[in-house]
C-alpha atoms as a PDB file:
ATOM      1  CA  UNK A   1      16.859 257.581  -5.646  1.00  0.00           C
ATOM      2  CA  UNK A   2      13.285 256.735  -4.689  1.00  0.00           C
ATOM      3  CA  UNK A   3      13.439 253.777  -6.990  1.00  0.00           C
ATOM      4  CA  UNK A   4      16.597 252.554  -5.247  1.00  0.00           C
ATOM      5  CA  UNK A   5      14.975 252.919  -1.811  1.00  0.00           C
ATOM      6  CA  UNK A   6      11.922 250.945  -2.979  1.00  0.00           C
ATOM      7  CA  UNK A   7      14.184 248.181  -4.276  1.00  0.00           C
ATOM      8  CA  UNK A   8      16.014 248.048  -0.921  1.00  0.00           C
ATOM      9  CA  UNK A   9      12.733 247.935   1.018  1.00  0.00           C
ATOM     10  CA  UNK A  10      11.432 245.181  -1.255  1.00  0.00           C
ATOM     11  CA  UNK A  11      14.652 243.225  -0.781  1.00  0.00           C
ATOM     12  CA  UNK A  12      14.382 243.579   2.994  1.00  0.00           C
ATOM     13  CA  UNK A  13      10.768 242.394   2.872  1.00  0.00           C
ATOM     14  CA  UNK A  14      11.771 239.334   0.826  1.00  0.00           C
ATOM     15  CA  UNK A  15      14.575 238.528   3.269  1.00  0.00           C
ATOM     16  CA  UNK A  16      12.208 238.949   6.234  1.00  0.00           C
ATOM     17  CA  UNK A  17       9.668 236.693   4.526  1.00  0.00           C
ATOM     18  CA  UNK A  18      12.309 234.021   3.900  1.00  0.00           C
ATOM     19  CA  UNK A  19      13.389 234.179   7.548  1.00  0.00           C
ATOM     20  CA  UNK A  20       9.758 233.871   8.662  1.00  0.00           C
ATOM     21  CA  UNK A  21       9.219 230.816   6.436  1.00  0.00           C
ATOM     22  CA  UNK A  22      12.435 229.232   7.721  1.00  0.00           C
ATOM     23  CA  UNK A  23      11.425 229.912  11.340  1.00  0.00           C
ATOM     24  CA  UNK A  24       7.962 228.393  10.829  1.00  0.00           C
ATOM     25  CA  UNK A  25       9.510 225.343   9.108  1.00  0.00           C
ATOM     26  CA  UNK A  26      11.923 224.760  11.996  1.00  0.00           C
ATOM     27  CA  UNK A  27       9.136 225.210  14.536  1.00  0.00           C
ATOM     28  CA  UNK A  28       6.859 222.713  12.782  1.00  0.00           C
ATOM     29  CA  UNK A  29       9.746 220.259  12.362  1.00  0.00           C
ATOM     30  CA  UNK A  30      10.493 220.505  16.081  1.00  0.00           C
ATOM     31  CA  UNK A  31       6.836 219.857  16.943  1.00  0.00           C
ATOM     32  CA  UNK A  32       6.728 216.830  14.612  1.00  0.00           C
ATOM     33  CA  UNK A  33       9.974 215.512  16.100  1.00  0.00           C
ATOM     34  CA  UNK A  34       8.643 216.004  19.645  1.00  0.00           C
ATOM     35  CA  UNK A  35       5.399 214.222  18.746  1.00  0.00           C
ATOM     36  CA  UNK A  36       7.378 211.365  17.160  1.00  0.00           C
ATOM     37  CA  UNK A  37       9.542 211.020  20.267  1.00  0.00           C
ATOM     38  CA  UNK A  38       6.466 211.066  22.470  1.00  0.00           C
ATOM     39  CA  UNK A  39       4.811 208.445  20.269  1.00  0.00           C
ATOM     40  CA  UNK A  40       7.862 206.171  20.421  1.00  0.00           C
ATOM     41  CA  UNK A  41       8.094 206.719  24.182  1.00  0.00           C
ATOM     42  CA  UNK A  42       4.420 205.814  24.582  1.00  0.00           C
ATOM     43  CA  UNK A  43       4.911 202.655  22.515  1.00  0.00           C
ATOM     44  CA  UNK A  44       7.878 201.599  24.648  1.00  0.00           C
ATOM     45  CA  UNK A  45       5.900 202.349  27.815  1.00  0.00           C
ATOM     46  CA  UNK A  46       2.940 200.265  26.616  1.00  0.00           C
ATOM     47  CA  UNK A  47       5.215 197.398  25.551  1.00  0.00           C
ATOM     48  CA  UNK A  48       6.942 197.415  28.946  1.00  0.00           C
ATOM     49  CA  UNK A  49       3.589 197.486  30.741  1.00  0.00           C
ATOM     50  CA  UNK A  50       2.351 194.368  28.948  1.00  0.00           C
ATOM     51  CA  UNK A  51       5.700 192.662  29.564  1.00  0.00           C
ATOM     52  CA  UNK A  52       5.443 193.438  33.297  1.00  0.00           C
ATOM     53  CA  UNK A  53       1.974 191.831  33.463  1.00  0.00           C
ATOM     54  CA  UNK A  54       3.309 188.770  31.611  1.00  0.00           C
ATOM     55  CA  UNK A  55       6.113 188.542  34.191  1.00  0.00           C
ATOM     56  CA  UNK A  56       3.513 188.600  36.988  1.00  0.00           C
ATOM     57  CA  UNK A  57       1.642 185.666  35.434  1.00  0.00           C
ATOM     58  CA  UNK A  58       4.848 183.661  35.047  1.00  0.00           C
ATOM     59  CA  UNK A  59       5.757 184.394  38.690  1.00  0.00           C
ATOM     60  CA  UNK A  60       2.306 183.224  39.767  1.00  0.00           C
ATOM     61  CA  UNK A  61       2.828 179.934  37.922  1.00  0.00           C
ATOM     62  CA  UNK A  62       6.245 179.586  39.576  1.00  0.00           C
ATOM     63  CA  UNK A  63       4.800 180.133  43.070  1.00  0.00           C
ATOM     64  CA  UNK A  64       1.892 177.749  42.468  1.00  0.00           C
ATOM     65  CA  UNK A  65       4.319 175.052  41.320  1.00  0.00           C
ATOM     66  CA  UNK A  66       6.735 175.394  44.216  1.00  0.00           C
ATOM     67  CA  UNK A  67       9.387 177.710  42.793  1.00  0.00           C
ATOM     68  CA  UNK A  68       9.786 176.338  39.293  1.00  0.00           C
ATOM     69  CA  UNK A  69      11.731 178.364  36.727  1.00  0.00           C
ATOM     70  CA  UNK A  70       9.118 179.594  34.226  1.00  0.00           C
ATOM     71  CA  UNK A  71       9.843 181.140  30.846  1.00  0.00           C
ATOM     72  CA  UNK A  72       7.893 182.471  27.890  1.00  0.00           C
ATOM     73  CA  UNK A  73       9.414 181.918  24.442  1.00  0.00           C
ATOM     74  CA  UNK A  74       8.046 183.189  21.141  1.00  0.00           C
ATOM     75  CA  UNK A  75       8.557 181.827  17.641  1.00  0.00           C
ATOM     76  CA  UNK A  76       9.634 184.157  14.852  1.00  0.00           C
ATOM     77  CA  UNK A  77      11.020 184.170  11.333  1.00  0.00           C
ATOM     78  CA  UNK A  78      14.778 184.508  11.468  1.00  0.00           C
ATOM     79  CA  UNK A  79      15.568 185.205   7.828  1.00  0.00           C
ATOM     80  CA  UNK A  80      16.031 182.805   4.925  1.00  0.00           C
ATOM     81  CA  UNK A  81      18.439 180.102   3.862  1.00  0.00           C
ATOM     82  CA  UNK A  82      20.131 180.360   0.440  1.00  0.00           C
ATOM     83  CA  UNK A  83      17.441 178.096  -1.058  1.00  0.00           C
ATOM     84  CA  UNK A  84      14.707 180.511   0.063  1.00  0.00           C
ATOM     85  CA  UNK A  85      13.426 178.365   2.933  1.00  0.00           C
ATOM     86  CA  UNK A  86      12.440 180.454   5.956  1.00  0.00           C
ATOM     87  CA  UNK A  87      14.409 179.927   9.161  1.00  0.00           C
ATOM     88  CA  UNK A  88      12.263 178.951  12.151  1.00  0.00           C
ATOM     89  CA  UNK A  89      13.544 180.384  15.434  1.00  0.00           C
ATOM     90  CA  UNK A  90      12.447 181.206  18.944  1.00  0.00           C
ATOM     91  CA  UNK A  91      13.510 183.738  21.559  1.00  0.00           C
ATOM     92  CA  UNK A  92      12.916 183.709  25.309  1.00  0.00           C
ATOM     93  CA  UNK A  93      11.186 187.050  25.980  1.00  0.00           C
ATOM     94  CA  UNK A  94      10.218 186.692  29.656  1.00  0.00           C
ATOM     95  CA  UNK A  95      11.346 184.599  32.622  1.00  0.00           C
ATOM     96  CA  UNK A  96      11.007 184.387  36.376  1.00  0.00           C
ATOM     97  CA  UNK A  97      14.039 185.512  38.391  1.00  0.00           C
ATOM     98  CA  UNK A  98      16.509 182.955  39.750  1.00  0.00           C
ATOM     99  CA  UNK A  99      16.085 179.212  39.535  1.00  0.00           C
ATOM    100  CA  UNK A 100      18.855 178.686  36.963  1.00  0.00           C
ATOM    101  CA  UNK A 101      22.610 179.069  36.740  1.00  0.00           C
ATOM    102  CA  UNK A 102      22.218 181.895  34.227  1.00  0.00           C
ATOM    103  CA  UNK A 103      19.257 183.883  32.844  1.00  0.00           C
ATOM    104  CA  UNK A 104      17.863 182.153  29.751  1.00  0.00           C
ATOM    105  CA  UNK A 105      17.063 185.498  28.123  1.00  0.00           C
ATOM    106  CA  UNK A 106      20.800 186.192  27.834  1.00  0.00           C
ATOM    107  CA  UNK A 107      21.486 183.204  25.585  1.00  0.00           C
ATOM    108  CA  UNK A 108      18.161 181.997  24.159  1.00  0.00           C
ATOM    109  CA  UNK A 109      17.881 184.649  21.443  1.00  0.00           C
ATOM    110  CA  UNK A 110      17.034 183.693  17.845  1.00  0.00           C
ATOM    111  CA  UNK A 111      17.632 179.992  18.542  1.00  0.00           C
ATOM    112  CA  UNK A 112      17.019 177.780  15.518  1.00  0.00           C
ATOM    113  CA  UNK A 113      14.203 175.317  16.171  1.00  0.00           C
ATOM    114  CA  UNK A 114      16.307 172.725  14.402  1.00  0.00           C
ATOM    115  CA  UNK A 115      18.807 172.877  17.273  1.00  0.00           C
ATOM    116  CA  UNK A 116      16.242 170.923  19.313  1.00  0.00           C
ATOM    117  CA  UNK A 117      14.587 169.237  16.329  1.00  0.00           C
ATOM    118  CA  UNK A 118      13.028 166.217  18.049  1.00  0.00           C
ATOM    119  CA  UNK A 119      11.848 168.240  21.069  1.00  0.00           C
ATOM    120  CA  UNK A 120      10.280 170.942  18.884  1.00  0.00           C
ATOM    121  CA  UNK A 121       8.638 168.268  16.728  1.00  0.00           C
ATOM    122  CA  UNK A 122       7.059 166.605  19.762  1.00  0.00           C
ATOM    123  CA  UNK A 123       5.903 169.969  21.110  1.00  0.00           C
ATOM    124  CA  UNK A 124       4.304 170.906  17.766  1.00  0.00           C
ATOM    125  CA  UNK A 125       2.659 167.488  17.441  1.00  0.00           C
ATOM    126  CA  UNK A 126       1.385 166.983  20.990  1.00  0.00           C
ATOM    127  CA  UNK A 127       1.131 170.613  22.236  1.00  0.00           C
ATOM    128  CA  UNK A 128       3.087 169.464  25.282  1.00  0.00           C
ATOM    129  CA  UNK A 129       6.556 168.150  26.047  1.00  0.00           C
ATOM    130  CA  UNK A 130       7.274 166.512  29.397  1.00  0.00           C
ATOM    131  CA  UNK A 131      10.726 165.357  30.475  1.00  0.00           C
ATOM    132  CA  UNK A 132      10.424 164.258  34.108  1.00  0.00           C
ATOM    133  CA  UNK A 133      14.099 163.290  34.295  1.00  0.00           C
ATOM    134  CA  UNK A 134      16.509 165.099  32.001  1.00  0.00           C
ATOM    135  CA  UNK A 135      18.756 162.029  32.007  1.00  0.00           C
ATOM    136  CA  UNK A 136      16.072 160.269  29.965  1.00  0.00           C
ATOM    137  CA  UNK A 137      15.977 162.987  27.302  1.00  0.00           C
ATOM    138  CA  UNK A 138      16.850 161.595  23.865  1.00  0.00           C
ATOM    139  CA  UNK A 139      17.412 165.076  22.380  1.00  0.00           C
ATOM    140  CA  UNK A 140      21.104 165.406  23.226  1.00  0.00           C
ATOM    141  CA  UNK A 141      21.376 169.135  22.467  1.00  0.00           C
ATOM    142  CA  UNK A 142      18.303 169.908  24.592  1.00  0.00           C
ATOM    143  CA  UNK A 143      19.600 167.669  27.405  1.00  0.00           C
ATOM    144  CA  UNK A 144      23.007 169.373  27.347  1.00  0.00           C
ATOM    145  CA  UNK A 145      21.553 172.869  27.538  1.00  0.00           C
ATOM    146  CA  UNK A 146      19.021 172.031  30.257  1.00  0.00           C
ATOM    147  CA  UNK A 147      21.852 170.538  32.320  1.00  0.00           C
ATOM    148  CA  UNK A 148      23.877 173.708  31.722  1.00  0.00           C
ATOM    149  CA  UNK A 149      21.115 175.777  33.350  1.00  0.00           C
ATOM    150  CA  UNK A 150      20.845 173.302  36.219  1.00  0.00           C
ATOM    151  CA  UNK A 151      17.464 171.785  35.336  1.00  0.00           C
ATOM    152  CA  UNK A 152      16.639 168.173  36.152  1.00  0.00           C
ATOM    153  CA  UNK A 153      13.130 168.293  34.711  1.00  0.00           C
ATOM    154  CA  UNK A 154      11.392 170.399  32.057  1.00  0.00           C
ATOM    155  CA  UNK A 155       7.890 170.827  30.626  1.00  0.00           C
ATOM    156  CA  UNK A 156       6.942 172.826  27.535  1.00  0.00           C
ATOM    157  CA  UNK A 157       3.382 173.991  26.770  1.00  0.00           C
ATOM    158  CA  UNK A 158       2.626 175.115  23.209  1.00  0.00           C
ATOM    159  CA  UNK A 159       0.810 178.437  22.689  1.00  0.00           C
ATOM    160  CA  UNK A 160      -1.316 178.708  19.533  1.00  0.00           C
ATOM    161  CA  UNK A 161      -3.201 181.667  18.093  1.00  0.00           C
ATOM    162  CA  UNK A 162      -6.954 181.133  18.468  1.00  0.00           C
ATOM    163  CA  UNK A 163      -7.872 182.301  14.973  1.00  0.00           C
ATOM    164  CA  UNK A 164      -5.654 180.483  12.501  1.00  0.00           C
ATOM    165  CA  UNK A 165      -3.913 178.116  14.929  1.00  0.00           C
ATOM    166  CA  UNK A 166      -0.469 179.548  14.223  1.00  0.00           C
ATOM    167  CA  UNK A 167       2.188 178.434  16.708  1.00  0.00           C
ATOM    168  CA  UNK A 168       2.948 181.574  18.750  1.00  0.00           C
ATOM    169  CA  UNK A 169       5.430 180.207  21.267  1.00  0.00           C
ATOM    170  CA  UNK A 170       5.607 178.132  24.409  1.00  0.00           C
ATOM    171  CA  UNK A 171       5.735 178.265  28.186  1.00  0.00           C
ATOM    172  CA  UNK A 172       8.631 176.403  29.774  1.00  0.00           C
ATOM    173  CA  UNK A 173       8.308 175.106  33.346  1.00  0.00           C
ATOM    174  CA  UNK A 174      11.634 173.848  34.677  1.00  0.00           C
ATOM    175  CA  UNK A 175      12.632 172.211  37.957  1.00  0.00           C
ATOM    176  CA  UNK A 176      15.994 171.746  39.623  1.00  0.00           C
ATOM    177  CA  UNK A 177      14.979 168.230  40.671  1.00  0.00           C
ATOM    178  CA  UNK A 178      13.194 165.383  38.885  1.00  0.00           C
ATOM    179  CA  UNK A 179       9.492 166.149  38.815  1.00  0.00           C
ATOM    180  CA  UNK A 180       6.412 164.661  37.160  1.00  0.00           C
ATOM    181  CA  UNK A 181       3.726 167.310  36.691  1.00  0.00           C
ATOM    182  CA  UNK A 182       0.304 165.952  37.607  1.00  0.00           C
ATOM    183  CA  UNK A 183      -2.954 166.946  35.900  1.00  0.00           C
ATOM    184  CA  UNK A 184      -3.711 169.698  38.423  1.00  0.00           C
ATOM    185  CA  UNK A 185      -0.285 171.284  37.950  1.00  0.00           C
ATOM    186  CA  UNK A 186      -0.617 171.166  34.159  1.00  0.00           C
ATOM    187  CA  UNK A 187      -4.046 172.801  34.411  1.00  0.00           C
ATOM    188  CA  UNK A 188      -2.549 175.640  36.463  1.00  0.00           C
ATOM    189  CA  UNK A 189      -0.359 176.406  33.443  1.00  0.00           C
ATOM    190  CA  UNK A 190      -2.811 175.808  30.585  1.00  0.00           C
ATOM    191  CA  UNK A 191      -5.589 177.884  32.195  1.00  0.00           C
ATOM    192  CA  UNK A 192      -3.315 180.945  31.990  1.00  0.00           C
ATOM    193  CA  UNK A 193      -2.430 180.520  28.315  1.00  0.00           C
ATOM    194  CA  UNK A 194      -5.471 182.452  26.953  1.00  0.00           C
ATOM    195  CA  UNK A 195      -4.626 185.509  29.057  1.00  0.00           C
ATOM    196  CA  UNK A 196      -0.942 185.298  28.128  1.00  0.00           C
ATOM    197  CA  UNK A 197      -1.872 185.057  24.464  1.00  0.00           C
ATOM    198  CA  UNK A 198      -4.162 188.066  24.775  1.00  0.00           C
ATOM    199  CA  UNK A 199      -1.387 190.109  26.426  1.00  0.00           C
ATOM    200  CA  UNK A 200       1.137 189.084  23.770  1.00  0.00           C
ATOM    201  CA  UNK A 201      -1.257 190.147  21.002  1.00  0.00           C
ATOM    202  CA  UNK A 202      -2.051 193.463  22.696  1.00  0.00           C
ATOM    203  CA  UNK A 203       1.649 194.142  23.228  1.00  0.00           C
ATOM    204  CA  UNK A 204       2.367 193.485  19.555  1.00  0.00           C
ATOM    205  CA  UNK A 205      -0.549 195.678  18.482  1.00  0.00           C
ATOM    206  CA  UNK A 206       0.573 198.590  20.682  1.00  0.00           C
ATOM    207  CA  UNK A 207       4.091 198.497  19.185  1.00  0.00           C
ATOM    208  CA  UNK A 208       2.714 198.566  15.639  1.00  0.00           C
ATOM    209  CA  UNK A 209       0.450 201.617  16.176  1.00  0.00           C
END
């Protein structure tokens, strides 16, 4: 009888121990999950903060240039063709409000550079693309899309990484009337590129951590 009671007590102790282990496991798992959620939330918050500062810089450019539509686009790898060649694409990540028939961020997502081959080639070669009158644009696809958004003039400024010179993206300054940007206006854009590049790099770094 005593032996039976000892076996029952031992069994109850084992069951209690298993419940305790299970409870501790669930508690630790909940803490890890909460920390993970907090970490993700912090990353999103940091990314949004950098994006908001980038928007402020673009708005400043727009105001300084008399209400131009200003965008920031970034290059990225968009997968591979069947022959293994990497696809080169860009996406508009930031833009000033208004100034176009539709927001560019809605449609300019993962756009193949080859869609505007001659324009992208000139931008990569000269670091700058100026089309004072869109009617004179020889890149028919680029001309068609700029007309769709209601632009009569467009200017693209290449952004390169300082270290290895990798093409990071470009700033687009667009006008609803024909416009030739003078040297002072171009300087107002190019002088802000280092800060934009720094913000882009910090934003990317914060999302990786």
